[in-house]
């Protein structure tokens, strides 16, 4: 099971990153992949009641990779964190399968209470570099968040949002504007 998960994570990186040239390169040199592996161990410790050990491991992984994932966060299969540096995933965040996060992404809280206070990303979501998603919001399946955006409201499935605050864009009009230049 563990070996299959490792292989799946490496395959995911090679699929989502054209610079990922081989299994050994990804397995040894991709900090985002290492952060996900570290989180899986820390999460198992957390759910088994070893909370201090889980937090200690997550902070050690943060030191090594530049990616901070709270051990209580729930992440699905085939999460790929491209470039890794500066990613923060809060305690009550939930991430579905086949999610792609770029560097500098924050899945942050907006409350000091012990409640669901971090975003939920459904399957197939892509979040661009340096985007900030705050609070108990849901980003729907196959949605995209543009680089540098600040998201404080739910995002519908199959929608692209950009800006501060993030708002949906009309992909049809956007592609016409880009091709007419």
N, C-alpha and C. Protein backbone atom coordinates (compact mmCIF):
# COMPACT_ATOMS: atom_id res chain seq x y z
N UNK A 1 0.82 -1.20 0.00
CA UNK A 1 0.00 0.00 0.00
C UNK A 1 0.87 1.26 0.00
N UNK A 2 1.85 1.34 0.89
CA UNK A 2 2.71 2.51 0.96
C UNK A 2 3.48 2.70 -0.33
N UNK A 3 4.05 1.63 -0.86
CA UNK A 3 4.80 1.72 -2.12
C UNK A 3 3.89 2.17 -3.27
N UNK A 4 2.66 1.68 -3.30
CA UNK A 4 1.73 2.09 -4.35
C UNK A 4 1.39 3.58 -4.23
N UNK A 5 1.23 4.07 -3.00
CA UNK A 5 0.94 5.50 -2.79
C UNK A 5 2.11 6.35 -3.26
N UNK A 6 3.32 5.93 -2.93
CA UNK A 6 4.52 6.66 -3.37
C UNK A 6 4.58 6.70 -4.89
N UNK A 7 4.35 5.56 -5.53
CA UNK A 7 4.37 5.50 -7.00
C UNK A 7 3.29 6.41 -7.59
N UNK A 8 2.10 6.40 -6.99
CA UNK A 8 1.00 7.23 -7.49
C UNK A 8 1.36 8.71 -7.38
N UNK A 9 1.96 9.12 -6.26
CA UNK A 9 2.36 10.52 -6.09
C UNK A 9 3.41 10.93 -7.11
N UNK A 10 4.36 10.07 -7.36
CA UNK A 10 5.40 10.38 -8.35
C UNK A 10 4.79 10.45 -9.75
N UNK A 11 3.90 9.52 -10.08
CA UNK A 11 3.22 9.56 -11.39
C UNK A 11 2.44 10.86 -11.54
N UNK A 12 1.78 11.28 -10.47
CA UNK A 12 1.01 12.53 -10.51
C UNK A 12 1.92 13.71 -10.81
N UNK A 13 3.05 13.79 -10.13
CA UNK A 13 4.00 14.89 -10.38
C UNK A 13 4.47 14.86 -11.82
N UNK A 14 4.77 13.68 -12.33
CA UNK A 14 5.26 13.58 -13.71
C UNK A 14 4.17 13.95 -14.71
N UNK A 15 2.92 13.72 -14.37
CA UNK A 15 1.80 14.08 -15.24
C UNK A 15 1.56 15.59 -15.23
N UNK A 16 1.66 16.20 -14.06
CA UNK A 16 1.29 17.62 -13.91
C UNK A 16 2.44 18.58 -14.10
N UNK A 17 3.68 18.09 -14.16
CA UNK A 17 4.83 18.97 -14.31
C UNK A 17 5.71 18.49 -15.45
N UNK A 18 5.74 19.23 -16.57
CA UNK A 18 6.56 18.80 -17.71
C UNK A 18 8.05 18.74 -17.39
N UNK A 19 8.49 19.42 -16.33
CA UNK A 19 9.90 19.39 -15.95
C UNK A 19 10.26 18.14 -15.16
N UNK A 20 9.27 17.37 -14.75
CA UNK A 20 9.52 16.15 -13.98
C UNK A 20 9.97 15.06 -14.94
N UNK A 21 11.28 14.85 -15.00
CA UNK A 21 11.85 14.00 -16.04
C UNK A 21 11.95 12.52 -15.70
N UNK A 22 11.85 12.17 -14.45
CA UNK A 22 11.95 10.75 -14.12
C UNK A 22 11.54 10.46 -12.70
N UNK A 23 11.30 9.19 -12.45
CA UNK A 23 10.84 8.75 -11.14
C UNK A 23 11.82 9.15 -10.04
N UNK A 24 13.10 8.87 -10.23
CA UNK A 24 14.10 9.15 -9.20
C UNK A 24 14.21 10.66 -8.94
N UNK A 25 14.17 11.45 -10.01
CA UNK A 25 14.24 12.91 -9.86
C UNK A 25 13.11 13.41 -8.97
N UNK A 26 11.89 12.98 -9.27
CA UNK A 26 10.73 13.42 -8.48
C UNK A 26 10.84 12.90 -7.05
N UNK A 27 11.12 11.63 -6.90
CA UNK A 27 11.16 11.02 -5.56
C UNK A 27 12.21 11.66 -4.66
N UNK A 28 13.31 12.11 -5.23
CA UNK A 28 14.39 12.66 -4.41
C UNK A 28 14.40 14.18 -4.32
N UNK A 29 13.85 14.88 -5.33
CA UNK A 29 14.07 16.32 -5.43
C UNK A 29 12.83 17.20 -5.38
N UNK A 30 11.64 16.67 -5.28
CA UNK A 30 10.42 17.47 -5.32
C UNK A 30 9.88 17.72 -3.92
N UNK A 31 10.09 18.95 -3.43
CA UNK A 31 9.71 19.27 -2.06
C UNK A 31 8.20 19.18 -1.82
N UNK A 32 7.41 19.50 -2.81
CA UNK A 32 5.96 19.38 -2.65
C UNK A 32 5.53 17.95 -2.43
N UNK A 33 6.17 17.03 -3.14
CA UNK A 33 5.88 15.60 -2.96
C UNK A 33 6.33 15.16 -1.56
N UNK A 34 7.50 15.62 -1.15
CA UNK A 34 8.00 15.27 0.19
C UNK A 34 7.06 15.79 1.27
N UNK A 35 6.53 17.00 1.08
CA UNK A 35 5.61 17.58 2.06
C UNK A 35 4.34 16.74 2.18
N UNK A 36 3.83 16.27 1.07
CA UNK A 36 2.63 15.42 1.10
C UNK A 36 2.94 14.11 1.82
N UNK A 37 4.09 13.52 1.53
CA UNK A 37 4.47 12.27 2.22
C UNK A 37 4.59 12.51 3.73
N UNK A 38 5.24 13.61 4.10
CA UNK A 38 5.38 13.93 5.52
C UNK A 38 4.03 14.14 6.18
N UNK A 39 3.12 14.79 5.45
CA UNK A 39 1.79 15.02 6.00
C UNK A 39 1.06 13.70 6.24
N UNK A 40 1.19 12.78 5.33
CA UNK A 40 0.49 11.50 5.50
C UNK A 40 0.91 10.82 6.81
N UNK A 41 2.20 10.89 7.11
CA UNK A 41 2.68 10.29 8.36
C UNK A 41 2.19 11.11 9.56
N UNK A 42 2.32 12.42 9.47
CA UNK A 42 1.88 13.28 10.57
C UNK A 42 0.38 13.14 10.82
N UNK A 43 -0.41 13.02 9.77
CA UNK A 43 -1.85 12.86 9.92
C UNK A 43 -2.19 11.54 10.59
N UNK A 44 -1.46 10.51 10.25
CA UNK A 44 -1.69 9.21 10.91
C UNK A 44 -1.37 9.32 12.40
N UNK A 45 -0.28 10.00 12.74
CA UNK A 45 0.05 10.23 14.15
C UNK A 45 -1.05 11.03 14.84
N UNK A 46 -1.52 12.09 14.17
CA UNK A 46 -2.56 12.96 14.73
C UNK A 46 -3.83 12.18 15.04
N UNK A 47 -4.29 11.41 14.05
CA UNK A 47 -5.54 10.66 14.23
C UNK A 47 -5.39 9.50 15.20
N UNK A 48 -4.15 9.10 15.49
CA UNK A 48 -3.90 8.04 16.48
C UNK A 48 -3.71 8.61 17.89
N UNK A 49 -3.82 9.94 18.01
CA UNK A 49 -3.72 10.56 19.33
C UNK A 49 -2.34 11.05 19.72
N UNK A 50 -1.37 10.92 18.84
CA UNK A 50 0.00 11.38 19.10
C UNK A 50 0.15 12.80 18.56
N UNK A 51 -0.57 13.74 19.18
CA UNK A 51 -0.68 15.09 18.66
C UNK A 51 0.65 15.85 18.69
N UNK A 52 1.39 15.75 19.79
CA UNK A 52 2.67 16.47 19.85
C UNK A 52 3.63 15.94 18.79
N UNK A 53 3.72 14.62 18.68
CA UNK A 53 4.61 14.02 17.67
C UNK A 53 4.20 14.44 16.27
N UNK A 54 2.90 14.50 16.03
CA UNK A 54 2.40 14.91 14.72
C UNK A 54 2.79 16.36 14.41
N UNK A 55 2.61 17.24 15.40
CA UNK A 55 2.98 18.65 15.20
C UNK A 55 4.49 18.80 15.02
N UNK A 56 5.25 18.05 15.80
CA UNK A 56 6.71 18.11 15.69
C UNK A 56 7.14 17.68 14.28
N UNK A 57 6.59 16.57 13.80
CA UNK A 57 6.94 16.10 12.46
C UNK A 57 6.51 17.12 11.40
N UNK A 58 5.32 17.68 11.53
CA UNK A 58 4.87 18.64 10.52
C UNK A 58 5.77 19.88 10.48
N UNK A 59 6.26 20.31 11.62
CA UNK A 59 7.17 21.45 11.65
C UNK A 59 8.55 21.10 11.08
N UNK A 60 8.99 19.88 11.31
CA UNK A 60 10.25 19.42 10.73
C UNK A 60 10.13 19.36 9.20
N UNK A 61 9.01 18.84 8.71
CA UNK A 61 8.77 18.79 7.27
C UNK A 61 8.70 20.20 6.70
N UNK A 62 8.08 21.13 7.43
CA UNK A 62 8.04 22.52 7.00
C UNK A 62 9.45 23.09 6.87
N UNK A 63 10.30 22.80 7.85
CA UNK A 63 11.69 23.26 7.81
C UNK A 63 12.41 22.72 6.58
N UNK A 64 12.17 21.46 6.26
CA UNK A 64 12.85 20.83 5.12
C UNK A 64 12.31 21.26 3.76
N UNK A 65 10.99 21.51 3.68
CA UNK A 65 10.36 21.70 2.38
C UNK A 65 9.83 23.11 2.11
N UNK A 66 9.60 23.89 3.16
CA UNK A 66 8.98 25.20 2.98
C UNK A 66 7.47 25.11 2.84
N UNK A 67 6.91 23.93 3.07
CA UNK A 67 5.47 23.70 2.97
C UNK A 67 4.95 23.35 4.36
N UNK A 68 3.93 24.08 4.81
CA UNK A 68 3.36 23.81 6.13
C UNK A 68 1.95 23.25 5.97
N UNK A 69 1.78 22.01 6.38
CA UNK A 69 0.46 21.37 6.36
C UNK A 69 0.16 20.92 7.78
N UNK A 70 -0.91 21.47 8.35
CA UNK A 70 -1.28 21.06 9.71
C UNK A 70 -1.62 19.57 9.68
N UNK A 71 -1.16 18.81 10.68
CA UNK A 71 -1.40 17.37 10.66
C UNK A 71 -2.87 16.97 10.70
N UNK A 72 -3.77 17.85 11.13
CA UNK A 72 -5.19 17.51 11.16
C UNK A 72 -5.88 17.76 9.81
N UNK A 73 -5.22 18.49 8.90
CA UNK A 73 -5.82 18.75 7.59
C UNK A 73 -6.06 17.43 6.88
N UNK A 74 -7.14 17.39 6.10
CA UNK A 74 -7.48 16.17 5.35
C UNK A 74 -7.14 16.39 3.89
N UNK A 75 -6.27 15.54 3.35
CA UNK A 75 -5.93 15.65 1.93
C UNK A 75 -6.22 14.34 1.22
N UNK A 76 -6.68 14.48 0.00
CA UNK A 76 -7.04 13.31 -0.80
C UNK A 76 -5.85 12.76 -1.56
N UNK A 77 -6.16 11.92 -2.50
CA UNK A 77 -5.13 11.27 -3.32
C UNK A 77 -4.68 12.22 -4.43
N UNK A 78 -3.44 12.03 -4.82
CA UNK A 78 -2.83 12.72 -5.97
C UNK A 78 -2.81 14.24 -5.83
N UNK A 79 -2.68 14.75 -4.60
CA UNK A 79 -2.42 16.18 -4.41
C UNK A 79 -1.01 16.46 -4.92
N UNK A 80 -0.87 17.47 -5.77
CA UNK A 80 0.46 17.87 -6.23
C UNK A 80 0.68 19.32 -5.88
N UNK A 81 1.75 19.58 -5.15
CA UNK A 81 2.13 20.94 -4.78
C UNK A 81 3.36 21.29 -5.61
N UNK A 82 3.14 22.09 -6.66
CA UNK A 82 4.21 22.42 -7.60
C UNK A 82 5.06 23.56 -7.02
N UNK A 83 6.33 23.37 -6.97
CA UNK A 83 7.33 24.30 -6.44
C UNK A 83 7.29 24.44 -4.93
N UNK A 84 6.19 24.11 -4.30
CA UNK A 84 6.11 23.98 -2.85
C UNK A 84 6.29 25.21 -2.00
N UNK A 85 7.31 25.96 -2.17
CA UNK A 85 7.70 27.01 -1.23
C UNK A 85 6.54 27.91 -0.82
N UNK A 86 6.40 28.10 0.48
CA UNK A 86 5.45 29.04 1.01
C UNK A 86 4.01 28.58 1.08
N UNK A 87 3.72 27.33 0.79
CA UNK A 87 2.35 26.82 0.88
C UNK A 87 1.99 26.61 2.34
N UNK A 88 0.78 27.05 2.73
CA UNK A 88 0.27 26.86 4.08
C UNK A 88 -1.13 26.26 3.98
N UNK A 89 -1.34 25.13 4.66
CA UNK A 89 -2.64 24.45 4.68
C UNK A 89 -3.05 24.31 6.13
N UNK A 90 -4.14 24.98 6.51
CA UNK A 90 -4.57 25.04 7.89
C UNK A 90 -5.25 23.78 8.42
N UNK A 91 -5.45 23.79 9.72
CA UNK A 91 -5.92 22.63 10.48
C UNK A 91 -7.22 22.01 9.97
N UNK A 92 -8.21 22.80 9.63
CA UNK A 92 -9.50 22.23 9.24
C UNK A 92 -9.70 22.23 7.73
N UNK A 93 -8.63 22.44 6.97
CA UNK A 93 -8.71 22.39 5.51
C UNK A 93 -9.01 20.97 5.07
N UNK A 94 -9.77 20.87 3.97
CA UNK A 94 -10.07 19.58 3.36
C UNK A 94 -9.76 19.71 1.88
N UNK A 95 -8.97 18.76 1.38
CA UNK A 95 -8.55 18.80 -0.02
C UNK A 95 -8.93 17.47 -0.67
N UNK A 96 -9.65 17.55 -1.79
CA UNK A 96 -10.09 16.36 -2.49
C UNK A 96 -8.97 15.73 -3.31
N UNK A 97 -9.34 14.85 -4.19
CA UNK A 97 -8.40 14.14 -5.07
C UNK A 97 -8.03 15.02 -6.27
N UNK A 98 -6.83 14.78 -6.80
CA UNK A 98 -6.38 15.40 -8.05
C UNK A 98 -6.34 16.92 -8.00
N UNK A 99 -5.95 17.46 -6.85
CA UNK A 99 -5.84 18.91 -6.67
C UNK A 99 -4.41 19.35 -6.97
N UNK A 100 -4.28 20.52 -7.59
CA UNK A 100 -2.98 21.09 -7.93
C UNK A 100 -2.86 22.45 -7.25
N UNK A 101 -1.82 22.60 -6.42
CA UNK A 101 -1.53 23.87 -5.75
C UNK A 101 -0.16 24.35 -6.21
N UNK A 102 -0.06 25.63 -6.53
CA UNK A 102 1.23 26.22 -6.88
C UNK A 102 1.83 26.90 -5.65
N UNK A 103 3.04 27.37 -5.78
CA UNK A 103 3.77 27.96 -4.64
C UNK A 103 3.03 29.17 -4.07
N UNK A 104 3.22 29.36 -2.78
CA UNK A 104 2.67 30.52 -2.10
C UNK A 104 1.19 30.45 -1.77
N UNK A 105 0.54 29.33 -2.02
CA UNK A 105 -0.90 29.21 -1.75
C UNK A 105 -1.12 29.12 -0.24
N UNK A 106 -2.14 29.84 0.24
CA UNK A 106 -2.54 29.75 1.64
C UNK A 106 -4.00 29.32 1.72
N UNK A 107 -4.24 28.24 2.45
CA UNK A 107 -5.60 27.83 2.80
C UNK A 107 -5.75 28.17 4.27
N UNK A 108 -6.17 29.40 4.54
CA UNK A 108 -6.13 29.96 5.88
C UNK A 108 -7.48 30.06 6.55
N UNK A 109 -7.42 30.27 7.85
CA UNK A 109 -8.62 30.41 8.66
C UNK A 109 -9.05 31.86 8.80
N UNK A 110 -10.31 32.03 9.20
CA UNK A 110 -10.81 33.39 9.43
C UNK A 110 -11.52 33.49 10.79
N UNK A 111 -11.20 32.56 11.68
CA UNK A 111 -11.83 32.55 12.99
C UNK A 111 -10.83 32.04 14.02
N UNK A 112 -10.97 32.52 15.23
CA UNK A 112 -10.12 32.05 16.33
C UNK A 112 -10.82 30.96 17.14
N UNK A 113 -12.05 30.60 16.76
CA UNK A 113 -12.79 29.56 17.47
C UNK A 113 -12.41 28.18 16.97
N UNK A 114 -12.62 27.17 17.79
CA UNK A 114 -12.36 25.78 17.42
C UNK A 114 -13.55 25.28 16.62
N UNK A 115 -13.52 25.54 15.32
CA UNK A 115 -14.60 25.18 14.42
C UNK A 115 -14.01 24.99 13.03
N UNK A 116 -14.81 24.58 12.08
CA UNK A 116 -14.36 24.50 10.69
C UNK A 116 -14.09 25.92 10.23
N UNK A 117 -12.82 26.25 9.97
CA UNK A 117 -12.46 27.63 9.66
C UNK A 117 -11.51 27.77 8.48
N UNK A 118 -11.26 26.66 7.78
CA UNK A 118 -10.37 26.68 6.62
C UNK A 118 -11.12 26.16 5.39
N UNK A 119 -10.62 26.43 4.20
CA UNK A 119 -11.32 26.05 2.97
C UNK A 119 -11.40 24.54 2.73
N UNK A 120 -12.39 24.20 1.91
CA UNK A 120 -12.54 22.86 1.36
C UNK A 120 -12.34 22.98 -0.14
N UNK A 121 -11.43 22.19 -0.69
CA UNK A 121 -11.20 22.13 -2.13
C UNK A 121 -11.70 20.78 -2.63
N UNK A 122 -12.67 20.80 -3.51
CA UNK A 122 -13.20 19.55 -4.03
C UNK A 122 -12.27 18.99 -5.11
N UNK A 123 -12.59 17.83 -5.62
CA UNK A 123 -11.74 17.12 -6.59
C UNK A 123 -11.44 17.99 -7.81
N UNK A 124 -10.19 17.90 -8.28
CA UNK A 124 -9.79 18.52 -9.53
C UNK A 124 -9.57 20.02 -9.50
N UNK A 125 -9.48 20.62 -8.33
CA UNK A 125 -9.29 22.07 -8.21
C UNK A 125 -7.83 22.42 -8.51
N UNK A 126 -7.63 23.58 -9.15
CA UNK A 126 -6.30 24.14 -9.37
C UNK A 126 -6.26 25.52 -8.71
N UNK A 127 -5.20 25.76 -7.92
CA UNK A 127 -5.04 27.05 -7.25
C UNK A 127 -3.70 27.63 -7.68
N UNK A 128 -3.74 28.82 -8.30
CA UNK A 128 -2.55 29.47 -8.83
C UNK A 128 -1.64 30.03 -7.76
N UNK A 129 -0.43 30.38 -8.18
CA UNK A 129 0.62 30.87 -7.29
C UNK A 129 0.15 32.06 -6.47
N UNK A 130 0.51 32.04 -5.19
CA UNK A 130 0.27 33.14 -4.25
C UNK A 130 -1.20 33.48 -4.04
N UNK A 131 -2.09 32.55 -4.33
CA UNK A 131 -3.51 32.77 -4.04
C UNK A 131 -3.75 32.52 -2.56
N UNK A 132 -4.70 33.27 -2.01
CA UNK A 132 -5.08 33.13 -0.61
C UNK A 132 -6.55 32.81 -0.53
N UNK A 133 -6.88 31.70 0.11
CA UNK A 133 -8.27 31.28 0.30
C UNK A 133 -8.52 31.27 1.79
N UNK A 134 -9.54 32.00 2.23
CA UNK A 134 -9.75 32.19 3.66
C UNK A 134 -11.14 31.77 4.10
N UNK A 135 -11.19 31.05 5.22
CA UNK A 135 -12.45 30.74 5.87
C UNK A 135 -13.05 29.42 5.44
N UNK A 136 -14.21 29.14 5.99
CA UNK A 136 -14.95 27.91 5.72
C UNK A 136 -15.71 28.08 4.42
N UNK A 137 -14.96 28.06 3.33
CA UNK A 137 -15.53 28.18 1.99
C UNK A 137 -15.29 26.89 1.24
N UNK A 138 -16.03 26.70 0.16
CA UNK A 138 -15.86 25.52 -0.68
C UNK A 138 -15.54 25.97 -2.10
N UNK A 139 -14.48 25.39 -2.64
CA UNK A 139 -14.13 25.60 -4.04
C UNK A 139 -14.57 24.32 -4.75
N UNK A 140 -15.54 24.46 -5.62
CA UNK A 140 -16.20 23.32 -6.25
C UNK A 140 -15.32 22.53 -7.20
N UNK A 141 -15.79 21.36 -7.52
CA UNK A 141 -15.06 20.42 -8.37
C UNK A 141 -14.62 21.08 -9.68
N UNK A 142 -13.36 20.85 -10.04
CA UNK A 142 -12.75 21.31 -11.30
C UNK A 142 -12.72 22.83 -11.44
N UNK A 143 -12.84 23.55 -10.34
CA UNK A 143 -12.73 25.01 -10.38
C UNK A 143 -11.27 25.42 -10.39
N UNK A 144 -11.00 26.66 -10.81
CA UNK A 144 -9.64 27.20 -10.82
C UNK A 144 -9.62 28.56 -10.14
N UNK A 145 -8.56 28.80 -9.39
CA UNK A 145 -8.35 30.08 -8.72
C UNK A 145 -7.09 30.69 -9.34
N UNK A 146 -7.21 31.90 -9.86
CA UNK A 146 -6.09 32.56 -10.51
C UNK A 146 -5.00 32.96 -9.55
N UNK A 147 -3.79 33.08 -10.08
CA UNK A 147 -2.63 33.49 -9.29
C UNK A 147 -2.89 34.83 -8.62
N UNK A 148 -2.50 34.94 -7.35
CA UNK A 148 -2.62 36.18 -6.61
C UNK A 148 -4.02 36.53 -6.15
N UNK A 149 -4.98 35.69 -6.41
CA UNK A 149 -6.36 35.98 -6.03
C UNK A 149 -6.56 35.80 -4.53
N UNK A 150 -7.58 36.49 -4.01
CA UNK A 150 -8.00 36.33 -2.62
C UNK A 150 -9.45 35.86 -2.66
N UNK A 151 -9.68 34.65 -2.16
CA UNK A 151 -11.00 34.03 -2.23
C UNK A 151 -11.59 33.97 -0.82
N UNK A 152 -12.76 34.60 -0.64
CA UNK A 152 -13.43 34.61 0.66
C UNK A 152 -14.87 34.09 0.56
N UNK A 153 -15.29 33.72 -0.63
CA UNK A 153 -16.63 33.17 -0.85
C UNK A 153 -16.52 31.86 -1.61
N UNK A 154 -17.58 31.05 -1.55
CA UNK A 154 -17.60 29.79 -2.27
C UNK A 154 -17.39 30.02 -3.77
N UNK A 155 -16.80 29.01 -4.42
CA UNK A 155 -16.58 29.03 -5.86
C UNK A 155 -17.34 27.85 -6.45
N UNK A 156 -18.18 28.12 -7.43
CA UNK A 156 -18.98 27.06 -8.04
C UNK A 156 -18.09 26.09 -8.82
N UNK A 157 -18.54 24.84 -8.96
CA UNK A 157 -17.78 23.89 -9.76
C UNK A 157 -17.53 24.42 -11.18
N UNK A 158 -16.42 24.02 -11.77
CA UNK A 158 -16.07 24.37 -13.16
C UNK A 158 -16.03 25.87 -13.42
N UNK A 159 -15.69 26.64 -12.41
CA UNK A 159 -15.63 28.10 -12.52
C UNK A 159 -14.19 28.55 -12.30
N UNK A 160 -13.79 29.60 -13.00
CA UNK A 160 -12.50 30.23 -12.76
C UNK A 160 -12.75 31.57 -12.08
N UNK A 161 -12.02 31.80 -10.97
CA UNK A 161 -12.12 33.08 -10.28
C UNK A 161 -10.75 33.74 -10.26
N UNK A 162 -10.76 35.07 -10.36
CA UNK A 162 -9.51 35.85 -10.31
C UNK A 162 -9.77 37.15 -9.58
N UNK A 163 -8.71 37.75 -9.06
CA UNK A 163 -8.79 39.09 -8.50
C UNK A 163 -8.83 39.14 -6.99
N UNK A 164 -8.90 40.40 -6.52
CA UNK A 164 -8.95 40.69 -5.08
C UNK A 164 -10.10 41.66 -4.86
N UNK A 165 -11.22 41.21 -4.32
CA UNK A 165 -11.55 39.82 -4.02
C UNK A 165 -11.85 39.06 -5.31
N UNK A 166 -11.68 37.76 -5.26
CA UNK A 166 -11.85 36.92 -6.45
C UNK A 166 -13.30 36.94 -6.93
N UNK A 167 -13.43 37.05 -8.25
CA UNK A 167 -14.74 37.02 -8.89
C UNK A 167 -14.66 36.11 -10.10
N UNK A 168 -15.78 35.48 -10.46
CA UNK A 168 -15.78 34.59 -11.64
C UNK A 168 -15.46 35.36 -12.92
N UNK A 169 -14.77 34.70 -13.82
CA UNK A 169 -14.52 35.28 -15.14
C UNK A 169 -15.28 34.48 -16.17
N UNK A 170 -15.67 35.14 -17.24
CA UNK A 170 -16.35 34.48 -18.35
C UNK A 170 -15.26 33.94 -19.28
N UNK A 171 -15.03 32.66 -19.21
CA UNK A 171 -13.94 32.06 -19.99
C UNK A 171 -14.11 32.26 -21.49
N UNK A 172 -15.34 32.29 -21.99
CA UNK A 172 -15.56 32.49 -23.42
C UNK A 172 -15.09 33.89 -23.83
N UNK A 173 -15.51 34.91 -23.09
CA UNK A 173 -15.07 36.28 -23.42
C UNK A 173 -13.58 36.46 -23.20
N UNK A 174 -13.08 35.83 -22.19
CA UNK A 174 -11.65 35.96 -21.90
C UNK A 174 -10.81 35.40 -23.03
N UNK A 175 -11.18 34.24 -23.58
CA UNK A 175 -10.38 33.66 -24.66
C UNK A 175 -10.51 34.49 -25.94
N UNK A 176 -11.67 35.10 -26.19
CA UNK A 176 -11.81 35.98 -27.36
C UNK A 176 -10.90 37.20 -27.23
N UNK A 177 -10.84 37.78 -26.01
CA UNK A 177 -9.97 38.94 -25.79
C UNK A 177 -8.50 38.58 -26.02
N UNK A 178 -8.12 37.40 -25.56
CA UNK A 178 -6.70 37.03 -25.68
C UNK A 178 -6.32 36.75 -27.12
N UNK A 179 -7.23 36.15 -27.88
CA UNK A 179 -6.88 35.82 -29.26
C UNK A 179 -6.98 37.02 -30.18
N UNK A 180 -7.71 38.07 -29.78
CA UNK A 180 -7.85 39.24 -30.67
C UNK A 180 -6.71 40.22 -30.53
N UNK A 181 -5.81 40.01 -29.61
CA UNK A 181 -4.70 40.96 -29.42
C UNK A 181 -3.59 40.73 -30.38
